[in-house]
Amino acid sequence: MTVNMIQLQSEITEHWEQKILPFWSNLKDTTNGGFYGWVGNDLQVDRQAPKGGIATARQLWSFAAAYRVTGQDIWRDHAEHAYRFLADHVIDTEYGGMYWMVDAVGNPLDTSKHVYTQSFGVYALSEYYRATGDNSALELSKTLFSLIETRGLHTDTPAYREQFDRFWNEQPNEMLSENGVIADYTMNTHIHVLEAYTTLYRVWPDAQVKAALERLLAILYERVYDQDTKFLGVFFNKQWESIIDLRSFGHDIEASWLIDDALNVLGLEQHPAYAGMVTDIAYNISNIAVQADGSLMNEQEGEHVDETRIWWVQAEAMVGFYNAYQRTGDPQFLERVERLWAYTKEHIVDHRAGGEWHWSVDGNGTPDQHEVAGPWKCPYHNSRFCIELIERMG
């Protein structure tokens, strides 16, 4: 199969600029700040819905990156709007860190502190500084980085702990545990701390950030990655023992390119063990998790395979497979991207007027009834897919 790269890049650019960005732009809350916290499956906006800390950071990242890539002032204005809400309402100025949830006007609603949330703060604030040069954002990013390192890092293990109350007392990790288990450590948090520190290092190449990135790469290779199966473990106890037989296909392919991104900023692209991990994960997911229709399945627990096609899984797979193509030159990865994009355009994109992407569809392409925007459904995954491929194919 011959992939028309120019056409692919053009389609993705148009989709991002004419579908994704306008949808999220229309959710700007000019009364209370930030962006409206909920759009139901019926496309009705709930202007009184709470606003998530993670969602706020992801909105900030998305608009900051849009400004950096396009240079259009409208996206700088949206990024500044998101930054003000994050800095003024989501940051706990008394005890430090970002809240899990605030109400529609910005009052604390759930004051839990999760390392995952803090990592997205670092990620977004670093990108905002990268795009605008606003030094206050970089200083706030450094503060959150220090907080993760002092509160979140268990140096003896080493590992990043997960959930805390407002006063930084460790709590059971209910926010980022699923499948009937409560995990002490998760792959998910570790790959997103890595992602955050990679962006921070781009704008602040400090020795302590470098050391933290190197530590994270070692954790992922030695503790999370299974060199025999080529899968990443998902949920662990305090001894780094996997507590469930679970394979998260989307997280694996996402992790492969996030790890490679960290290797790039550190100048470790040719590190034999880590480079091998990147390509082995990509080949593994390509061989095992791709459906006949080109889409990517969600996960497998034991013998049960969840074939749901989730929006973010398709988005991250396109980036992961394109990254693998760049690293290996193997045309199968380019074909994977083209088929995933064709599937996404037909089934994942919401073709209703005023729609964006469905949360997920089943094997017949029937959408579920999940919200279109909420604490977890944000412009981050699909905006980033567009940005990554536009820049990589540019």
Protein backbone atom coordinates (compact mmCIF):
# COMPACT_ATOMS: atom_id res chain seq x y z
CA MET A 1 0.00 0.00 0.00
CA THR A 2 1.31 3.43 -0.98
CA VAL A 3 0.55 6.11 1.57
CA ASN A 4 0.06 9.63 0.23
CA MET A 5 1.87 11.56 2.95
CA ILE A 6 0.96 15.01 1.62
CA GLN A 7 -2.73 14.15 1.53
CA LEU A 8 -2.58 12.58 4.99
CA GLN A 9 -0.91 15.63 6.50
CA SER A 10 -3.35 17.95 4.75
CA GLU A 11 -6.40 16.02 5.98
CA ILE A 12 -5.16 15.92 9.57
CA THR A 13 -4.31 19.64 9.55
CA GLU A 14 -7.75 20.53 8.21
CA HIS A 15 -9.49 18.27 10.71
CA TRP A 16 -7.60 19.79 13.63
CA GLU A 17 -8.16 23.39 12.59
CA GLN A 18 -11.76 23.06 11.41
CA LYS A 19 -13.21 20.36 13.69
CA ILE A 20 -11.30 19.81 16.93
CA LEU A 21 -10.10 23.30 17.84
CA PRO A 22 -13.41 25.06 17.09
CA PHE A 23 -15.36 22.57 19.22
CA TRP A 24 -13.25 23.19 22.31
CA SER A 25 -12.95 26.90 21.58
CA ASN A 26 -16.74 27.16 21.80
CA LEU A 27 -16.63 25.88 25.40
CA LYS A 28 -14.76 28.95 26.67
CA ASP A 29 -16.45 30.18 29.84
CA THR A 30 -16.19 33.95 29.62
CA THR A 31 -18.16 34.43 32.87
CA ASN A 32 -16.34 32.22 35.37
CA GLY A 33 -13.10 31.44 33.56
CA GLY A 34 -11.75 28.22 32.17
CA PHE A 35 -13.84 26.03 29.90
CA TYR A 36 -17.22 24.46 30.52
CA GLY A 37 -16.83 21.14 32.29
CA TRP A 38 -19.42 18.97 30.58
CA VAL A 39 -21.01 18.36 27.19
CA GLY A 40 -23.45 15.45 27.17
CA ASN A 41 -23.87 12.91 24.43
CA ASP A 42 -26.77 15.05 23.24
CA LEU A 43 -24.25 17.88 22.63
CA GLN A 44 -25.88 20.02 25.32
CA VAL A 45 -23.42 22.11 27.37
CA ASP A 46 -23.80 22.03 31.17
CA ARG A 47 -22.54 25.46 32.18
CA GLN A 48 -22.80 24.61 35.89
CA ALA A 49 -20.75 21.41 35.72
CA PRO A 50 -17.57 21.06 37.80
CA LYS A 51 -14.23 21.61 36.11
CA GLY A 52 -11.52 19.00 36.47
CA GLY A 53 -7.93 19.78 37.35
CA ILE A 54 -6.68 17.33 34.73
CA ALA A 55 -9.07 18.71 32.12
CA THR A 56 -7.99 22.29 32.83
CA ALA A 57 -4.32 21.37 32.39
CA ARG A 58 -5.05 19.47 29.18
CA GLN A 59 -6.99 22.42 27.78
CA LEU A 60 -4.08 24.69 28.61
CA TRP A 61 -1.64 22.32 26.91
CA SER A 62 -3.83 21.97 23.82
CA PHE A 63 -4.30 25.68 23.20
CA ALA A 64 -0.69 26.53 24.04
CA ALA A 65 0.53 23.91 21.58
CA ALA A 66 -1.94 25.20 18.99
CA TYR A 67 -0.49 28.69 19.36
CA ARG A 68 3.07 27.37 19.16
CA VAL A 69 2.35 25.44 15.96
CA THR A 70 0.08 27.91 14.13
CA GLY A 71 1.16 31.27 15.53
CA GLN A 72 -2.49 32.34 15.56
CA ASP A 73 -3.30 34.79 18.35
CA ILE A 74 -6.74 33.30 19.00
CA TRP A 75 -5.08 30.18 20.44
CA ARG A 76 -2.73 32.28 22.57
CA ASP A 77 -5.80 34.03 23.99
CA HIS A 78 -7.45 30.68 24.75
CA ALA A 79 -4.25 29.37 26.33
CA GLU A 80 -3.94 32.48 28.50
CA HIS A 81 -7.59 32.06 29.52
CA ALA A 82 -6.92 28.47 30.59
CA TYR A 83 -3.71 29.47 32.36
CA ARG A 84 -5.47 32.11 34.44
CA PHE A 85 -8.12 29.64 35.60
CA LEU A 86 -5.51 27.01 36.47
CA ALA A 87 -3.29 29.45 38.34
CA ASP A 88 -6.12 31.27 40.12
CA HIS A 89 -8.47 28.40 40.97
CA VAL A 90 -6.98 24.93 40.42
CA ILE A 91 -3.73 25.59 42.30
CA ASP A 92 -3.98 25.24 46.09
CA THR A 93 -2.11 28.35 47.21
CA GLU A 94 -2.11 27.21 50.86
CA TYR A 95 -0.90 23.60 50.71
CA GLY A 96 0.47 23.41 47.19
CA GLY A 97 -0.43 21.38 44.18
CA MET A 98 -3.47 21.12 41.93
CA TYR A 99 -6.93 20.10 43.09
CA TRP A 100 -8.70 17.13 41.53
CA MET A 101 -11.90 19.13 40.92
CA VAL A 102 -13.31 22.64 41.33
CA ASP A 103 -16.87 23.81 40.79
CA ALA A 104 -18.10 25.86 37.84
CA VAL A 105 -16.94 29.15 39.33
CA GLY A 106 -13.59 27.77 40.53
CA ASN A 107 -14.17 26.91 44.20
CA PRO A 108 -12.47 23.73 45.47
CA LEU A 109 -14.83 20.75 45.19
CA ASP A 110 -12.55 17.72 45.55
CA THR A 111 -9.29 18.76 47.18
CA SER A 112 -7.54 15.43 46.55
CA LYS A 113 -4.02 15.75 45.21
CA HIS A 114 -2.92 13.14 42.70
CA VAL A 115 0.56 12.90 41.23
CA TYR A 116 -1.08 12.29 37.84
CA THR A 117 -2.83 15.67 38.09
CA GLN A 118 0.37 17.43 39.13
CA SER A 119 2.20 15.89 36.19
CA PHE A 120 -0.31 17.38 33.77
CA GLY A 121 0.23 20.72 35.43
CA VAL A 122 3.95 20.46 34.73
CA TYR A 123 3.24 19.35 31.16
CA ALA A 124 0.79 22.16 30.40
CA LEU A 125 2.68 24.96 32.10
CA SER A 126 5.93 23.97 30.39
CA GLU A 127 4.20 23.96 27.01
CA TYR A 128 2.61 27.33 27.73
CA TYR A 129 6.02 28.77 28.58
CA ARG A 130 7.46 27.12 25.46
CA ALA A 131 4.79 28.81 23.32
CA THR A 132 4.61 32.24 24.96
CA GLY A 133 7.73 32.79 27.05
CA ASP A 134 5.59 33.62 30.10
CA ASN A 135 8.10 33.12 32.90
CA SER A 136 5.44 32.90 35.62
CA ALA A 137 4.21 29.67 34.02
CA LEU A 138 7.70 28.18 34.03
CA GLU A 139 8.15 29.07 37.71
CA LEU A 140 4.82 27.42 38.55
CA SER A 141 5.86 24.35 36.55
CA LYS A 142 9.12 24.17 38.52
CA THR A 143 7.13 24.40 41.77
CA LEU A 144 4.92 21.47 40.76
CA PHE A 145 7.98 19.50 39.66
CA SER A 146 9.55 20.03 43.08
CA LEU A 147 6.30 18.98 44.75
CA ILE A 148 6.15 15.72 42.78
CA GLU A 149 9.76 14.99 43.65
CA THR A 150 9.41 15.75 47.36
CA ARG A 151 5.90 14.44 48.02
CA GLY A 152 5.31 11.90 45.30
CA LEU A 153 8.63 10.14 44.88
CA HIS A 154 9.39 7.15 47.08
CA THR A 155 13.16 7.27 46.72
CA ASP A 156 13.96 3.88 48.25
CA THR A 157 11.85 1.86 45.80
CA PRO A 158 12.04 4.02 43.60
CA ALA A 159 8.48 4.78 42.51
CA TYR A 160 6.03 7.63 42.23
CA ARG A 161 3.19 7.36 44.69
CA GLU A 162 -0.30 8.17 43.53
CA GLN A 163 -3.02 9.77 45.65
CA PHE A 164 -2.97 12.20 48.58
CA ASP A 165 -5.44 14.33 50.47
CA ARG A 166 -5.24 18.11 50.40
CA PHE A 167 -2.57 18.12 53.14
CA TRP A 168 -0.40 15.54 51.33
CA ASN A 169 -1.24 12.53 53.46
CA GLU A 170 -1.10 9.43 51.26
CA GLN A 171 -4.49 7.87 50.45
CA PRO A 172 -5.65 4.69 48.68
CA ASN A 173 -5.31 5.20 44.94
CA GLU A 174 -8.98 5.17 44.02
CA MET A 175 -8.67 7.82 41.31
CA LEU A 176 -6.36 5.85 39.00
CA SER A 177 -7.27 2.26 39.81
CA GLU A 178 -9.70 0.19 37.76
CA ASN A 179 -10.68 -3.41 37.06
CA GLY A 180 -11.55 -4.09 40.70
CA VAL A 181 -8.11 -3.43 42.19
CA ILE A 182 -6.52 -0.58 44.17
CA ALA A 183 -2.97 -0.09 42.97
CA ASP A 184 -0.10 1.38 44.96
CA TYR A 185 1.77 2.23 41.75
CA THR A 186 0.50 2.52 38.18
CA MET A 187 2.09 2.46 34.79
CA ASN A 188 -0.24 5.30 33.80
CA THR A 189 1.08 7.78 36.33
CA HIS A 190 4.70 6.92 35.57
CA ILE A 191 4.39 7.42 31.80
CA HIS A 192 2.66 10.78 32.31
CA VAL A 193 5.25 12.01 34.80
CA LEU A 194 7.80 11.05 32.12
CA GLU A 195 5.81 12.99 29.50
CA ALA A 196 5.65 16.06 31.76
CA TYR A 197 9.33 16.03 32.64
CA THR A 198 10.26 15.63 28.96
CA THR A 199 8.49 18.88 28.11
CA LEU A 200 9.88 20.62 31.19
CA TYR A 201 13.40 19.55 30.21
CA ARG A 202 12.92 21.06 26.76
CA VAL A 203 12.46 24.50 28.30
CA TRP A 204 14.49 24.05 31.51
CA PRO A 205 17.36 21.59 30.92
CA ASP A 206 18.23 21.39 34.60
CA ALA A 207 20.33 18.57 36.05
CA GLN A 208 17.61 17.51 38.50
CA VAL A 209 15.05 17.14 35.69
CA LYS A 210 17.55 15.08 33.72
CA ALA A 211 18.17 12.83 36.72
CA ALA A 212 14.43 12.37 37.23
CA LEU A 213 13.94 11.45 33.56
CA GLU A 214 16.77 8.93 33.73
CA ARG A 215 15.22 7.46 36.88
CA LEU A 216 11.83 7.16 35.19
CA LEU A 217 13.28 5.43 32.15
CA ALA A 218 14.99 2.92 34.41
CA ILE A 219 11.75 2.31 36.35
CA LEU A 220 9.80 1.74 33.14
CA TYR A 221 12.39 -0.63 31.72
CA GLU A 222 13.20 -2.56 34.88
CA ARG A 223 9.83 -2.58 36.69
CA VAL A 224 6.98 -1.92 34.26
CA TYR A 225 8.13 -3.46 30.97
CA ASP A 226 8.04 -7.25 30.62
CA GLN A 227 10.99 -8.17 28.41
CA ASP A 228 9.47 -11.59 27.68
CA THR A 229 5.96 -10.60 26.61
CA LYS A 230 6.83 -7.06 25.40
CA PHE A 231 3.83 -5.68 27.31
CA LEU A 232 3.82 -3.10 30.10
CA GLY A 233 2.31 -4.03 33.43
CA VAL A 234 -0.56 -1.80 34.54
CA PHE A 235 -1.19 -2.01 38.31
CA PHE A 236 1.39 -2.84 40.99
CA ASN A 237 1.77 -3.19 44.75
CA LYS A 238 4.47 -1.49 46.80
CA GLN A 239 6.94 -4.27 45.91
CA TRP A 240 6.43 -3.53 42.21
CA GLU A 241 4.60 -6.84 41.79
CA SER A 242 1.84 -6.84 39.19
CA ILE A 243 -1.51 -7.33 40.93
CA ILE A 244 -3.65 -8.11 37.86
CA ASP A 245 -3.22 -9.87 34.52
CA LEU A 246 -4.07 -6.85 32.42
CA ARG A 247 -2.74 -5.54 29.13
CA SER A 248 -3.67 -2.01 28.11
CA PHE A 249 -3.03 -1.81 24.38
CA GLY A 250 -3.57 1.94 24.13
CA HIS A 251 -1.29 2.78 27.03
CA ASP A 252 1.44 0.54 25.63
CA ILE A 253 1.57 2.17 22.21
CA GLU A 254 1.29 5.61 23.82
CA ALA A 255 4.16 4.76 26.18
CA SER A 256 6.38 3.67 23.29
CA TRP A 257 6.47 7.11 21.70
CA LEU A 258 6.53 9.00 25.02
CA ILE A 259 9.60 6.97 26.02
CA ASP A 260 11.19 7.74 22.65
CA ASP A 261 10.45 11.44 23.12
CA ALA A 262 12.29 11.36 26.44
CA LEU A 263 15.21 9.56 24.82
CA ASN A 264 15.36 12.28 22.17
CA VAL A 265 15.57 15.20 24.61
CA LEU A 266 18.25 13.35 26.61
CA GLY A 267 20.28 12.41 23.53
CA LEU A 268 19.80 8.71 24.28
CA GLU A 269 18.12 7.72 20.99
CA GLN A 270 20.58 4.87 20.47
CA HIS A 271 20.47 3.47 24.00
CA PRO A 272 20.27 -0.24 23.11
CA ALA A 273 17.90 -1.41 25.85
CA TYR A 274 15.54 1.55 25.74
CA ALA A 275 15.48 1.83 21.94
CA GLY A 276 14.75 -1.88 21.76
CA MET A 277 11.90 -1.45 24.23
CA VAL A 278 10.36 1.29 22.06
CA THR A 279 10.34 -0.78 18.88
CA ASP A 280 9.43 -4.07 20.59
CA ILE A 281 6.34 -2.49 22.17
CA ALA A 282 5.25 -1.04 18.82
CA TYR A 283 5.69 -4.33 16.96
CA ASN A 284 3.90 -6.19 19.75
CA ILE A 285 0.85 -3.94 19.69
CA SER A 286 0.85 -3.91 15.89
CA ASN A 287 0.86 -7.70 15.77
CA ILE A 288 -1.63 -8.38 18.58
CA ALA A 289 -4.07 -5.52 19.12
CA VAL A 290 -4.99 -4.24 15.65
CA GLN A 291 -8.37 -5.39 14.34
CA ALA A 292 -9.13 -6.41 10.76
CA ASP A 293 -10.81 -3.04 10.23
CA GLY A 294 -7.60 -1.21 11.16
CA SER A 295 -8.74 -0.06 14.61
CA LEU A 296 -7.06 -0.77 17.93
CA MET A 297 -8.72 -2.76 20.69
CA ASN A 298 -8.83 -1.44 24.24
CA GLU A 299 -7.37 -4.05 26.59
CA GLN A 300 -7.19 -7.67 27.66
CA GLU A 301 -7.77 -8.93 31.22
CA GLY A 302 -6.90 -12.59 31.56
CA GLU A 303 -8.57 -14.31 28.63
CA HIS A 304 -11.19 -11.57 28.14
CA VAL A 305 -10.49 -9.14 25.31
CA ASP A 306 -12.25 -5.78 25.35
CA GLU A 307 -12.64 -4.87 21.69
CA THR A 308 -14.15 -1.42 22.34
CA ARG A 309 -12.59 1.20 20.09
CA ILE A 310 -11.89 4.15 22.39
CA TRP A 311 -11.14 7.63 21.02
CA TRP A 312 -7.83 8.20 22.78
CA VAL A 313 -6.53 4.71 21.99
CA GLN A 314 -6.90 5.35 18.25
CA ALA A 315 -5.27 8.79 18.56
CA GLU A 316 -2.24 7.55 20.52
CA ALA A 317 -1.84 4.52 18.27
CA MET A 318 -1.48 6.75 15.22
CA VAL A 319 1.33 8.67 16.91
CA GLY A 320 2.95 5.51 18.26
CA PHE A 321 2.90 3.72 14.93
CA TYR A 322 4.19 6.76 13.06
CA ASN A 323 7.00 7.08 15.61
CA ALA A 324 7.82 3.41 15.04
CA TYR A 325 7.88 4.03 11.27
CA GLN A 326 10.32 6.90 11.78
CA ARG A 327 12.55 4.74 13.94
CA THR A 328 12.46 1.53 11.86
CA GLY A 329 11.45 2.55 8.34
CA ASP A 330 9.12 -0.46 8.32
CA PRO A 331 6.22 0.37 5.97
CA GLN A 332 3.77 -1.75 8.01
CA PHE A 333 3.66 1.05 10.58
CA LEU A 334 2.81 3.66 7.97
CA GLU A 335 0.02 1.43 6.71
CA ARG A 336 -1.24 1.10 10.28
CA VAL A 337 -1.46 4.88 10.55
CA GLU A 338 -3.32 5.28 7.27
CA ARG A 339 -5.86 2.57 8.13
CA LEU A 340 -6.35 3.92 11.66
CA TRP A 341 -6.98 7.38 10.28
CA ALA A 342 -9.50 6.01 7.77
CA TYR A 343 -11.26 4.15 10.58
CA THR A 344 -11.20 7.17 12.87
CA LYS A 345 -12.63 9.47 10.21
CA GLU A 346 -15.49 7.07 9.53
CA HIS A 347 -16.39 5.83 13.01
CA ILE A 348 -14.74 7.81 15.84
CA VAL A 349 -15.29 11.32 14.51
CA ASP A 350 -18.77 12.57 15.43
CA HIS A 351 -20.29 13.77 12.18
CA ARG A 352 -23.22 15.54 13.81
CA ALA A 353 -23.24 19.32 13.48
CA GLY A 354 -21.40 20.64 16.53
CA GLY A 355 -19.90 17.26 17.39
CA GLU A 356 -16.27 16.31 17.96
CA TRP A 357 -15.11 12.70 18.56
CA HIS A 358 -17.19 9.95 20.16
CA TRP A 359 -15.78 8.48 23.38
CA SER A 360 -15.88 5.01 21.83
CA VAL A 361 -17.69 2.75 19.39
CA ASP A 362 -18.37 -0.98 19.43
CA GLY A 363 -17.32 -3.53 16.83
CA ASN A 364 -20.17 -2.45 14.56
CA GLY A 365 -19.15 1.20 14.73
CA THR A 366 -22.07 2.13 17.00
CA PRO A 367 -21.18 5.02 19.34
CA ASP A 368 -21.68 4.73 23.09
CA GLN A 369 -23.58 7.28 25.16
CA HIS A 370 -20.61 8.76 27.02
CA GLU A 371 -20.16 12.49 27.37
CA VAL A 372 -18.41 14.40 24.60
CA ALA A 373 -16.54 16.64 27.07
CA GLY A 374 -15.88 16.00 30.76
CA PRO A 375 -13.16 15.52 33.38
CA TRP A 376 -11.38 12.96 31.16
CA LYS A 377 -12.65 13.86 27.66
CA CYS A 378 -10.59 16.86 26.59
CA PRO A 379 -8.82 18.16 23.43
CA TYR A 380 -5.50 16.66 24.54
CA HIS A 381 -5.28 13.23 22.88
CA ASN A 382 -6.70 14.05 19.47
CA SER A 383 -5.16 17.54 19.28
CA ARG A 384 -1.80 16.02 20.13
CA PHE A 385 -2.18 13.30 17.50
CA CYS A 386 -2.79 16.03 14.91
CA ILE A 387 0.12 18.15 16.11
CA GLU A 388 2.56 15.24 16.29
CA LEU A 389 1.80 14.01 12.79
CA ILE A 390 1.73 17.52 11.29
CA GLU A 391 5.16 18.24 12.75
CA ARG A 392 6.64 14.82 12.03
CA MET A 393 5.47 14.82 8.40
CA GLY A 394 6.36 18.47 7.89
